């Protein structure tokens, strides 16, 4: 049985497949799914591909790289106030502390949010306990 890890309400995470390291992620036990900030999302129905860019030009890890995914889906996500929005969803690897997990992330405009990534219950369930009074607990342990 895997040991449940203690994490804070904000953690630094890496996306090995996407080449992103040290990204601040808000841990949100109220959210079901995970989300990552992106823009310039273009679906090509003919070749069944999805192209997008991650983060903002103001983010330190921004590199203006365009990503192309052929394995993606669409899903409806409800906000905390009940508004429904159709989003694209990709699967990728995410590293929290020393461990790597495969998870789904919806592509979302989070430019008005403080953190570019949101980690929801689907990833957290049976893996983590959240101490909302702390930040960067996994980052401190992996140093």
N, C-alpha and C. Protein backbone atom coordinates (compact mmCIF):
# COMPACT_ATOMS: atom_id res chain seq x y z
N UNK A 1 0.84 -1.19 0.00
CA UNK A 1 0.00 0.00 0.00
C UNK A 1 0.88 1.25 0.00
N UNK A 2 0.55 2.20 -0.85
CA UNK A 2 1.31 3.44 -0.93
C UNK A 2 1.06 4.31 0.29
N UNK A 3 2.11 4.99 0.73
CA UNK A 3 1.99 5.88 1.87
C UNK A 3 1.40 7.22 1.41
N UNK A 4 0.43 7.71 2.18
CA UNK A 4 -0.17 9.02 1.90
C UNK A 4 0.81 10.09 2.35
N UNK A 5 0.99 11.12 1.50
CA UNK A 5 1.96 12.18 1.78
C UNK A 5 1.24 13.45 2.19
N UNK A 6 1.90 14.21 3.05
CA UNK A 6 1.38 15.50 3.49
C UNK A 6 1.89 16.58 2.54
N UNK A 7 0.95 17.39 2.01
CA UNK A 7 1.31 18.50 1.13
C UNK A 7 0.65 19.78 1.62
N UNK A 8 1.18 20.89 1.16
CA UNK A 8 0.63 22.19 1.52
C UNK A 8 -0.41 22.65 0.51
N UNK A 9 -0.99 23.81 0.75
CA UNK A 9 -2.03 24.31 -0.16
C UNK A 9 -1.45 24.84 -1.46
N UNK A 10 -0.14 25.07 -1.52
CA UNK A 10 0.58 25.42 -2.75
C UNK A 10 1.84 24.57 -2.78
N UNK A 11 2.12 23.97 -3.95
CA UNK A 11 3.31 23.14 -4.11
C UNK A 11 3.99 23.47 -5.44
N UNK A 12 5.29 23.24 -5.50
CA UNK A 12 6.04 23.34 -6.75
C UNK A 12 5.96 21.97 -7.42
N UNK A 13 5.61 21.97 -8.71
CA UNK A 13 5.51 20.72 -9.44
C UNK A 13 6.25 20.82 -10.76
N UNK A 14 6.55 19.66 -11.34
CA UNK A 14 7.20 19.59 -12.65
C UNK A 14 6.31 18.82 -13.61
N UNK A 15 6.42 19.17 -14.88
CA UNK A 15 5.77 18.43 -15.96
C UNK A 15 6.88 17.91 -16.87
N UNK A 16 7.40 16.69 -16.58
CA UNK A 16 8.55 16.18 -17.33
C UNK A 16 8.33 16.11 -18.85
N UNK A 17 7.17 15.67 -19.29
CA UNK A 17 6.89 15.53 -20.72
C UNK A 17 6.80 16.90 -21.40
N UNK A 18 6.32 17.90 -20.67
CA UNK A 18 6.14 19.24 -21.23
C UNK A 18 7.36 20.14 -21.03
N UNK A 19 8.36 19.65 -20.31
CA UNK A 19 9.58 20.43 -20.09
C UNK A 19 9.41 21.61 -19.16
N UNK A 20 8.46 21.53 -18.24
CA UNK A 20 8.22 22.61 -17.28
C UNK A 20 8.66 22.17 -15.89
N UNK A 21 9.41 23.01 -15.20
CA UNK A 21 9.88 22.68 -13.85
C UNK A 21 9.58 23.83 -12.89
N UNK A 22 9.32 23.46 -11.65
CA UNK A 22 9.14 24.45 -10.59
C UNK A 22 7.92 25.33 -10.77
N UNK A 23 6.83 24.76 -11.26
CA UNK A 23 5.61 25.53 -11.48
C UNK A 23 4.78 25.53 -10.21
N UNK A 24 4.32 26.70 -9.78
CA UNK A 24 3.45 26.79 -8.61
C UNK A 24 2.08 26.22 -8.94
N UNK A 25 1.60 25.34 -8.06
CA UNK A 25 0.28 24.74 -8.25
C UNK A 25 -0.54 24.90 -6.98
N UNK A 26 -1.77 25.35 -7.15
CA UNK A 26 -2.70 25.47 -6.03
C UNK A 26 -3.36 24.11 -5.82
N UNK A 27 -3.32 23.63 -4.60
CA UNK A 27 -3.97 22.38 -4.24
C UNK A 27 -5.40 22.74 -3.83
N UNK A 28 -6.38 22.20 -4.54
CA UNK A 28 -7.78 22.59 -4.34
C UNK A 28 -8.64 21.35 -4.13
N UNK A 29 -8.94 21.04 -2.87
CA UNK A 29 -9.76 19.87 -2.57
C UNK A 29 -11.22 20.08 -2.96
N UNK A 30 -11.59 21.29 -3.32
CA UNK A 30 -12.95 21.56 -3.78
C UNK A 30 -13.11 21.30 -5.27
N UNK A 31 -12.01 21.22 -5.99
CA UNK A 31 -12.05 20.97 -7.43
C UNK A 31 -11.92 19.47 -7.68
N UNK A 32 -12.68 18.97 -8.62
CA UNK A 32 -12.60 17.54 -8.94
C UNK A 32 -11.38 17.25 -9.82
N UNK A 33 -11.19 18.04 -10.87
CA UNK A 33 -10.12 17.76 -11.82
C UNK A 33 -8.98 18.77 -11.70
N UNK A 34 -7.90 18.49 -12.41
CA UNK A 34 -6.75 19.37 -12.47
C UNK A 34 -6.87 20.27 -13.70
N UNK A 35 -6.24 21.44 -13.63
CA UNK A 35 -6.27 22.37 -14.75
C UNK A 35 -4.89 23.02 -14.89
N UNK A 36 -4.56 23.37 -16.13
CA UNK A 36 -3.31 24.08 -16.40
C UNK A 36 -3.61 25.26 -17.32
N UNK A 37 -2.93 26.37 -17.06
CA UNK A 37 -3.16 27.59 -17.85
C UNK A 37 -2.55 27.44 -19.24
N UNK A 38 -3.34 27.76 -20.25
CA UNK A 38 -2.82 27.76 -21.61
C UNK A 38 -3.60 28.76 -22.46
N UNK A 39 -3.11 28.99 -23.65
CA UNK A 39 -3.77 29.90 -24.58
C UNK A 39 -3.45 29.46 -26.00
N UNK A 40 -3.99 30.16 -26.98
CA UNK A 40 -3.84 29.81 -28.40
C UNK A 40 -4.21 28.35 -28.64
N UNK A 41 -5.34 27.93 -28.10
CA UNK A 41 -5.80 26.55 -28.28
C UNK A 41 -6.46 26.43 -29.65
N UNK A 42 -5.95 25.52 -30.47
CA UNK A 42 -6.51 25.31 -31.81
C UNK A 42 -6.68 23.81 -32.03
N UNK A 43 -7.93 23.42 -32.30
CA UNK A 43 -8.20 22.02 -32.63
C UNK A 43 -8.28 21.89 -34.15
N UNK A 44 -7.56 20.92 -34.69
CA UNK A 44 -7.63 20.61 -36.11
C UNK A 44 -8.41 19.30 -36.25
N UNK A 45 -9.67 19.41 -36.62
CA UNK A 45 -10.54 18.24 -36.72
C UNK A 45 -10.07 17.26 -37.78
N UNK A 46 -9.49 17.76 -38.87
CA UNK A 46 -9.04 16.89 -39.95
C UNK A 46 -7.93 15.95 -39.52
N UNK A 47 -6.93 16.50 -38.85
CA UNK A 47 -5.82 15.64 -38.40
C UNK A 47 -5.99 15.18 -36.96
N UNK A 48 -7.12 15.54 -36.35
CA UNK A 48 -7.44 15.16 -34.97
C UNK A 48 -6.29 15.51 -34.03
N UNK A 49 -5.93 16.79 -34.08
CA UNK A 49 -4.85 17.27 -33.22
C UNK A 49 -5.29 18.52 -32.46
N UNK A 50 -4.60 18.75 -31.35
CA UNK A 50 -4.86 19.91 -30.51
C UNK A 50 -3.53 20.63 -30.29
N UNK A 51 -3.49 21.91 -30.65
CA UNK A 51 -2.28 22.72 -30.48
C UNK A 51 -2.56 23.81 -29.46
N UNK A 52 -1.56 24.07 -28.60
CA UNK A 52 -1.73 25.10 -27.58
C UNK A 52 -0.37 25.51 -27.03
N UNK A 53 -0.36 26.63 -26.32
CA UNK A 53 0.84 27.12 -25.63
C UNK A 53 0.51 27.21 -24.15
N UNK A 54 1.50 26.93 -23.32
CA UNK A 54 1.32 26.92 -21.88
C UNK A 54 1.89 28.16 -21.22
N UNK A 55 1.27 28.54 -20.12
CA UNK A 55 1.70 29.67 -19.29
C UNK A 55 1.53 30.99 -20.04
N UNK A 56 1.98 32.06 -19.45
CA UNK A 56 1.91 33.41 -20.02
C UNK A 56 3.31 33.92 -20.31
N UNK A 57 3.44 34.86 -21.23
CA UNK A 57 4.76 35.45 -21.46
C UNK A 57 5.36 36.08 -20.19
N UNK A 58 4.54 36.42 -19.21
CA UNK A 58 5.05 37.02 -17.97
C UNK A 58 5.57 35.96 -16.99
N UNK A 59 5.30 34.68 -17.24
CA UNK A 59 5.73 33.62 -16.32
C UNK A 59 7.21 33.29 -16.56
N UNK A 60 8.00 33.09 -15.48
CA UNK A 60 9.43 32.81 -15.64
C UNK A 60 9.74 31.56 -16.46
N UNK A 61 8.85 30.57 -16.47
CA UNK A 61 9.09 29.34 -17.22
C UNK A 61 8.50 29.38 -18.64
N UNK A 62 7.92 30.51 -19.03
CA UNK A 62 7.33 30.63 -20.37
C UNK A 62 8.42 30.50 -21.43
N UNK A 63 8.14 29.67 -22.46
CA UNK A 63 9.12 29.52 -23.54
C UNK A 63 8.50 29.62 -24.93
N UNK A 64 7.23 29.98 -25.02
CA UNK A 64 6.52 30.18 -26.29
C UNK A 64 6.47 28.91 -27.14
N UNK A 65 6.68 27.77 -26.51
CA UNK A 65 6.64 26.50 -27.24
C UNK A 65 5.19 26.08 -27.51
N UNK A 66 4.95 25.64 -28.73
CA UNK A 66 3.63 25.11 -29.07
C UNK A 66 3.65 23.60 -28.85
N UNK A 67 2.64 23.12 -28.15
CA UNK A 67 2.50 21.69 -27.90
C UNK A 67 1.42 21.14 -28.81
N UNK A 68 1.60 19.90 -29.26
CA UNK A 68 0.62 19.23 -30.10
C UNK A 68 0.27 17.90 -29.46
N UNK A 69 -1.01 17.69 -29.22
CA UNK A 69 -1.50 16.43 -28.66
C UNK A 69 -2.48 15.81 -29.65
N UNK A 70 -2.36 14.51 -29.83
CA UNK A 70 -3.30 13.77 -30.68
C UNK A 70 -4.28 12.97 -29.82
N UNK A 71 -3.90 12.75 -28.59
CA UNK A 71 -4.75 12.01 -27.66
C UNK A 71 -5.32 13.02 -26.66
N UNK A 72 -6.54 13.44 -26.90
CA UNK A 72 -7.20 14.42 -26.03
C UNK A 72 -8.70 14.19 -26.09
N UNK A 73 -9.41 14.77 -25.15
CA UNK A 73 -10.87 14.68 -25.12
C UNK A 73 -11.44 16.06 -24.81
N UNK A 74 -12.76 16.15 -24.84
CA UNK A 74 -13.45 17.35 -24.38
C UNK A 74 -14.28 16.96 -23.17
N UNK A 75 -14.41 17.89 -22.25
CA UNK A 75 -15.19 17.62 -21.05
C UNK A 75 -15.89 18.91 -20.61
N UNK A 76 -16.94 18.75 -19.83
CA UNK A 76 -17.64 19.91 -19.27
C UNK A 76 -17.20 20.06 -17.82
N UNK A 77 -16.78 21.26 -17.47
CA UNK A 77 -16.32 21.56 -16.12
C UNK A 77 -17.24 22.62 -15.53
N UNK A 78 -17.71 22.36 -14.30
CA UNK A 78 -18.55 23.35 -13.62
C UNK A 78 -17.70 24.14 -12.63
N UNK A 79 -17.89 25.44 -12.62
CA UNK A 79 -17.19 26.30 -11.67
C UNK A 79 -17.85 26.18 -10.30
N UNK A 80 -17.25 26.79 -9.31
CA UNK A 80 -17.79 26.74 -7.95
C UNK A 80 -19.14 27.45 -7.85
N UNK A 81 -19.45 28.32 -8.81
CA UNK A 81 -20.75 29.00 -8.79
C UNK A 81 -21.74 28.36 -9.76
N UNK A 82 -21.36 27.22 -10.34
CA UNK A 82 -22.28 26.45 -11.17
C UNK A 82 -22.24 26.72 -12.66
N UNK A 83 -21.35 27.58 -13.12
CA UNK A 83 -21.24 27.84 -14.56
C UNK A 83 -20.53 26.67 -15.24
N UNK A 84 -21.09 26.17 -16.33
CA UNK A 84 -20.51 25.05 -17.07
C UNK A 84 -19.70 25.58 -18.25
N UNK A 85 -18.54 24.95 -18.47
CA UNK A 85 -17.65 25.36 -19.56
C UNK A 85 -17.09 24.10 -20.21
N UNK A 86 -17.08 24.06 -21.54
CA UNK A 86 -16.50 22.94 -22.26
C UNK A 86 -15.00 23.20 -22.41
N UNK A 87 -14.18 22.22 -22.01
CA UNK A 87 -12.72 22.36 -22.09
C UNK A 87 -12.11 21.13 -22.73
N UNK A 88 -10.93 21.33 -23.30
CA UNK A 88 -10.13 20.21 -23.77
C UNK A 88 -9.40 19.61 -22.58
N UNK A 89 -9.14 18.30 -22.66
CA UNK A 89 -8.46 17.61 -21.57
C UNK A 89 -7.35 16.74 -22.16
N UNK A 90 -6.16 16.85 -21.56
CA UNK A 90 -5.02 16.03 -21.98
C UNK A 90 -4.55 15.20 -20.79
N UNK A 91 -3.80 14.15 -21.07
CA UNK A 91 -3.16 13.36 -20.02
C UNK A 91 -1.67 13.56 -20.15
N UNK A 92 -1.03 13.78 -19.01
CA UNK A 92 0.42 13.96 -18.99
C UNK A 92 0.96 13.56 -17.62
N UNK A 93 2.26 13.50 -17.52
CA UNK A 93 2.91 13.18 -16.25
C UNK A 93 3.17 14.44 -15.46
N UNK A 94 3.01 14.33 -14.15
CA UNK A 94 3.29 15.45 -13.26
C UNK A 94 4.12 14.91 -12.10
N UNK A 95 5.15 15.65 -11.73
CA UNK A 95 6.00 15.24 -10.61
C UNK A 95 5.72 16.12 -9.41
N UNK A 96 5.35 15.46 -8.31
CA UNK A 96 5.14 16.12 -7.02
C UNK A 96 6.14 15.53 -6.06
N UNK A 97 7.08 16.32 -5.59
CA UNK A 97 8.14 15.79 -4.74
C UNK A 97 9.00 14.84 -5.55
N UNK A 98 9.20 13.63 -5.04
CA UNK A 98 10.03 12.64 -5.72
C UNK A 98 9.23 11.70 -6.62
N UNK A 99 7.91 11.79 -6.60
CA UNK A 99 7.07 10.84 -7.32
C UNK A 99 6.44 11.45 -8.57
N UNK A 100 6.25 10.61 -9.58
CA UNK A 100 5.62 11.02 -10.83
C UNK A 100 4.29 10.30 -10.97
N UNK A 101 3.26 11.07 -11.34
CA UNK A 101 1.91 10.54 -11.50
C UNK A 101 1.41 10.89 -12.90
N UNK A 102 0.61 10.01 -13.47
CA UNK A 102 -0.08 10.30 -14.73
C UNK A 102 -1.44 10.88 -14.35
N UNK A 103 -1.80 12.00 -14.95
CA UNK A 103 -3.06 12.63 -14.59
C UNK A 103 -3.64 13.39 -15.78
N UNK A 104 -4.93 13.64 -15.73
CA UNK A 104 -5.61 14.45 -16.73
C UNK A 104 -5.62 15.90 -16.28
N UNK A 105 -5.43 16.81 -17.24
CA UNK A 105 -5.48 18.24 -16.99
C UNK A 105 -6.38 18.89 -18.02
N UNK A 106 -7.32 19.70 -17.56
CA UNK A 106 -8.10 20.48 -18.51
C UNK A 106 -7.30 21.72 -18.87
N UNK A 107 -7.46 22.17 -20.10
CA UNK A 107 -6.76 23.36 -20.58
C UNK A 107 -7.67 24.55 -20.34
N UNK A 108 -7.16 25.53 -19.60
CA UNK A 108 -8.01 26.61 -19.13
C UNK A 108 -7.27 27.94 -19.16
N UNK A 109 -8.01 29.00 -19.37
CA UNK A 109 -7.43 30.34 -19.26
C UNK A 109 -7.43 30.70 -17.78
N UNK A 110 -6.28 30.59 -17.14
CA UNK A 110 -6.13 30.93 -15.73
C UNK A 110 -5.33 32.23 -15.57
N UNK A 111 -5.36 33.07 -16.59
CA UNK A 111 -4.57 34.31 -16.55
C UNK A 111 -5.00 35.24 -15.43
N UNK A 112 -6.24 35.13 -14.99
CA UNK A 112 -6.72 35.97 -13.88
C UNK A 112 -6.52 35.30 -12.52
N UNK A 113 -5.92 34.13 -12.51
CA UNK A 113 -5.70 33.39 -11.27
C UNK A 113 -4.25 33.58 -10.82
N UNK A 114 -4.02 33.42 -9.53
CA UNK A 114 -2.68 33.59 -8.99
C UNK A 114 -1.74 32.45 -9.40
N UNK A 115 -2.29 31.23 -9.54
CA UNK A 115 -1.46 30.06 -9.84
C UNK A 115 -1.86 29.47 -11.19
N UNK A 116 -0.87 29.13 -12.02
CA UNK A 116 -1.18 28.62 -13.36
C UNK A 116 -1.70 27.18 -13.38
N UNK A 117 -1.53 26.46 -12.28
CA UNK A 117 -1.97 25.06 -12.22
C UNK A 117 -2.84 24.86 -11.00
N UNK A 118 -3.87 24.05 -11.19
CA UNK A 118 -4.78 23.68 -10.10
C UNK A 118 -4.76 22.15 -10.00
N UNK A 119 -4.54 21.64 -8.79
CA UNK A 119 -4.55 20.20 -8.55
C UNK A 119 -5.83 19.84 -7.82
N UNK A 120 -6.65 18.99 -8.42
CA UNK A 120 -7.94 18.62 -7.86
C UNK A 120 -7.95 17.24 -7.22
N UNK A 121 -9.12 16.89 -6.70
CA UNK A 121 -9.31 15.66 -5.93
C UNK A 121 -8.97 14.38 -6.70
N UNK A 122 -9.20 14.38 -7.99
CA UNK A 122 -8.94 13.16 -8.75
C UNK A 122 -7.47 12.75 -8.65
N UNK A 123 -6.57 13.69 -8.65
CA UNK A 123 -5.15 13.40 -8.48
C UNK A 123 -4.79 13.20 -7.01
N UNK A 124 -5.39 13.98 -6.13
CA UNK A 124 -5.03 13.97 -4.71
C UNK A 124 -5.54 12.74 -3.96
N UNK A 125 -6.68 12.20 -4.36
CA UNK A 125 -7.38 11.15 -3.62
C UNK A 125 -6.49 9.93 -3.33
N UNK A 126 -6.42 9.56 -2.06
CA UNK A 126 -5.69 8.40 -1.55
C UNK A 126 -4.17 8.51 -1.73
N UNK A 127 -3.69 9.69 -2.09
CA UNK A 127 -2.26 9.92 -2.24
C UNK A 127 -1.73 10.99 -1.30
N UNK A 128 -2.60 12.00 -1.01
CA UNK A 128 -2.14 13.17 -0.26
C UNK A 128 -3.15 13.60 0.79
N UNK A 129 -2.61 14.18 1.86
CA UNK A 129 -3.40 14.90 2.86
C UNK A 129 -2.91 16.34 2.77
N UNK A 130 -3.84 17.28 2.77
CA UNK A 130 -3.50 18.69 2.58
C UNK A 130 -3.52 19.43 3.91
N UNK A 131 -2.39 20.06 4.24
CA UNK A 131 -2.32 20.97 5.39
C UNK A 131 -2.46 22.38 4.83
N UNK A 132 -3.64 22.96 4.96
CA UNK A 132 -3.91 24.26 4.35
C UNK A 132 -3.17 25.41 5.03
N UNK A 133 -2.56 25.16 6.17
CA UNK A 133 -1.79 26.21 6.85
C UNK A 133 -0.34 26.27 6.36
N UNK A 134 0.03 25.37 5.47
CA UNK A 134 1.42 25.28 5.01
C UNK A 134 1.50 25.40 3.49
N UNK A 135 2.67 25.77 2.99
CA UNK A 135 2.97 25.80 1.55
C UNK A 135 4.28 25.06 1.30
N UNK A 136 4.42 24.49 0.12
CA UNK A 136 5.67 23.91 -0.37
C UNK A 136 6.25 22.83 0.55
N UNK A 137 5.42 21.99 1.12
CA UNK A 137 5.91 20.91 1.99
C UNK A 137 6.72 19.88 1.21
N UNK A 138 6.30 19.53 0.02
CA UNK A 138 7.05 18.56 -0.79
C UNK A 138 8.35 19.15 -1.28
N UNK A 139 8.36 20.44 -1.59
CA UNK A 139 9.57 21.11 -2.04
C UNK A 139 10.62 21.10 -0.94
N UNK A 140 10.20 21.36 0.28
CA UNK A 140 11.13 21.38 1.41
C UNK A 140 11.71 20.00 1.66
N UNK A 141 10.89 18.94 1.52
CA UNK A 141 11.36 17.58 1.77
C UNK A 141 12.33 17.09 0.69
N UNK A 142 12.12 17.52 -0.55
CA UNK A 142 12.96 17.00 -1.63
C UNK A 142 14.30 17.74 -1.74
N UNK A 143 14.50 18.80 -0.96
CA UNK A 143 15.78 19.55 -1.00
C UNK A 143 16.87 18.77 -0.29
